[in-house]
Protein backbone atom coordinates (compact mmCIF):
# COMPACT_ATOMS: atom_id res chain seq x y z
CA UNK A 1 6.67 136.51 137.15
CA UNK A 2 4.05 138.52 135.91
CA UNK A 3 0.45 136.91 136.55
CA UNK A 4 -1.62 135.71 133.57
CA UNK A 5 -4.96 136.93 132.53
CA UNK A 6 -7.59 135.33 132.73
CA UNK A 7 -8.00 135.58 128.94
CA UNK A 8 -4.77 134.73 127.68
CA UNK A 9 -4.44 132.02 125.54
CA UNK A 10 -0.97 130.00 126.88
CA UNK A 11 0.36 126.69 124.94
CA UNK A 12 1.04 124.25 126.88
CA UNK A 13 2.95 120.55 126.09
CA UNK A 14 2.49 117.61 128.59
CA UNK A 15 2.79 114.31 128.71
CA UNK A 16 0.55 113.71 131.61
CA UNK A 17 -2.89 113.58 129.93
CA UNK A 18 -4.63 112.31 132.89
CA UNK A 19 -4.65 115.40 134.60
CA UNK A 20 -4.64 117.92 131.76
CA UNK A 21 -8.04 118.54 132.59
CA UNK A 22 -7.75 120.15 135.45
CA UNK A 23 -5.44 123.30 134.26
CA UNK A 24 -6.23 123.25 130.77
CA UNK A 25 -10.38 122.62 130.36
CA UNK A 26 -10.13 123.46 126.50
CA UNK A 27 -7.83 121.58 123.95
CA UNK A 28 -7.24 122.16 120.60
CA UNK A 29 -5.99 118.71 118.98
CA UNK A 30 -4.19 119.94 115.22
CA UNK A 31 -4.01 117.79 112.44
CA UNK A 32 -2.97 117.93 108.70
CA UNK A 33 -4.99 118.55 105.08
CA UNK A 34 -4.59 117.02 102.74
CA UNK A 35 -2.36 118.91 101.15
CA UNK A 36 -0.18 119.09 104.05
CA UNK A 37 -1.42 121.81 105.87
CA UNK A 38 -2.25 122.73 109.97
CA UNK A 39 -5.57 122.50 110.31
CA UNK A 40 -7.67 122.53 113.80
CA UNK A 41 -8.92 119.01 114.23
CA UNK A 42 -11.05 119.36 116.84
CA UNK A 43 -11.93 121.76 119.77
CA UNK A 44 -13.19 121.64 122.99
CA UNK A 45 -13.18 120.55 126.45
CA UNK A 46 -10.15 118.99 127.14
CA UNK A 47 -11.89 116.24 129.07
CA UNK A 48 -14.41 115.58 125.87
CA UNK A 49 -11.63 114.95 123.66
CA UNK A 50 -9.34 112.85 125.92
CA UNK A 51 -11.86 110.79 126.17
CA UNK A 52 -12.85 110.55 122.34
CA UNK A 53 -10.76 107.41 121.61
CA UNK A 54 -11.67 107.79 117.74
CA UNK A 55 -10.67 111.54 117.43
CA UNK A 56 -7.23 110.00 119.69
CA UNK A 57 -6.90 107.37 117.02
CA UNK A 58 -7.05 109.32 113.73
CA UNK A 59 -4.50 111.35 114.75
CA UNK A 60 -2.12 108.69 116.95
CA UNK A 61 -2.62 109.90 119.86
CA UNK A 62 -2.03 107.64 122.27
CA UNK A 63 -5.27 107.07 125.05
CA UNK A 64 -4.40 108.73 128.61
CA UNK A 65 -3.48 105.76 130.87
CA UNK A 66 -3.30 106.23 134.73
CA UNK A 67 -6.60 108.11 136.32
CA UNK A 68 -10.03 108.62 133.77
CA UNK A 69 -9.87 112.26 132.80
CA UNK A 70 -13.18 112.85 133.25
CA UNK A 71 -12.11 112.09 137.40
CA UNK A 72 -9.56 115.54 137.48
CA UNK A 73 -11.42 117.64 139.10
CA UNK A 74 -12.00 121.10 136.94
CA UNK A 75 -10.08 124.17 137.43
CA UNK A 76 -11.21 126.59 140.00
CA UNK A 77 -13.72 129.17 138.50
């Protein structure tokens, strides 16, 4: 498998949301516009997005259960 460049975007889907901040320092939440088109609802540090209860509720996302996402060590720089 070829190495991934540090500046590459790698799509990832996971059910392990409390552990997502480790490999994914930045996340994007996709939403839907009034016209039914996809829009970026939020873009930022994964830890912040997962801890934003209003954002999670507004987009019908379940807050992660298990360890607090803020307790997951950041990826190695």
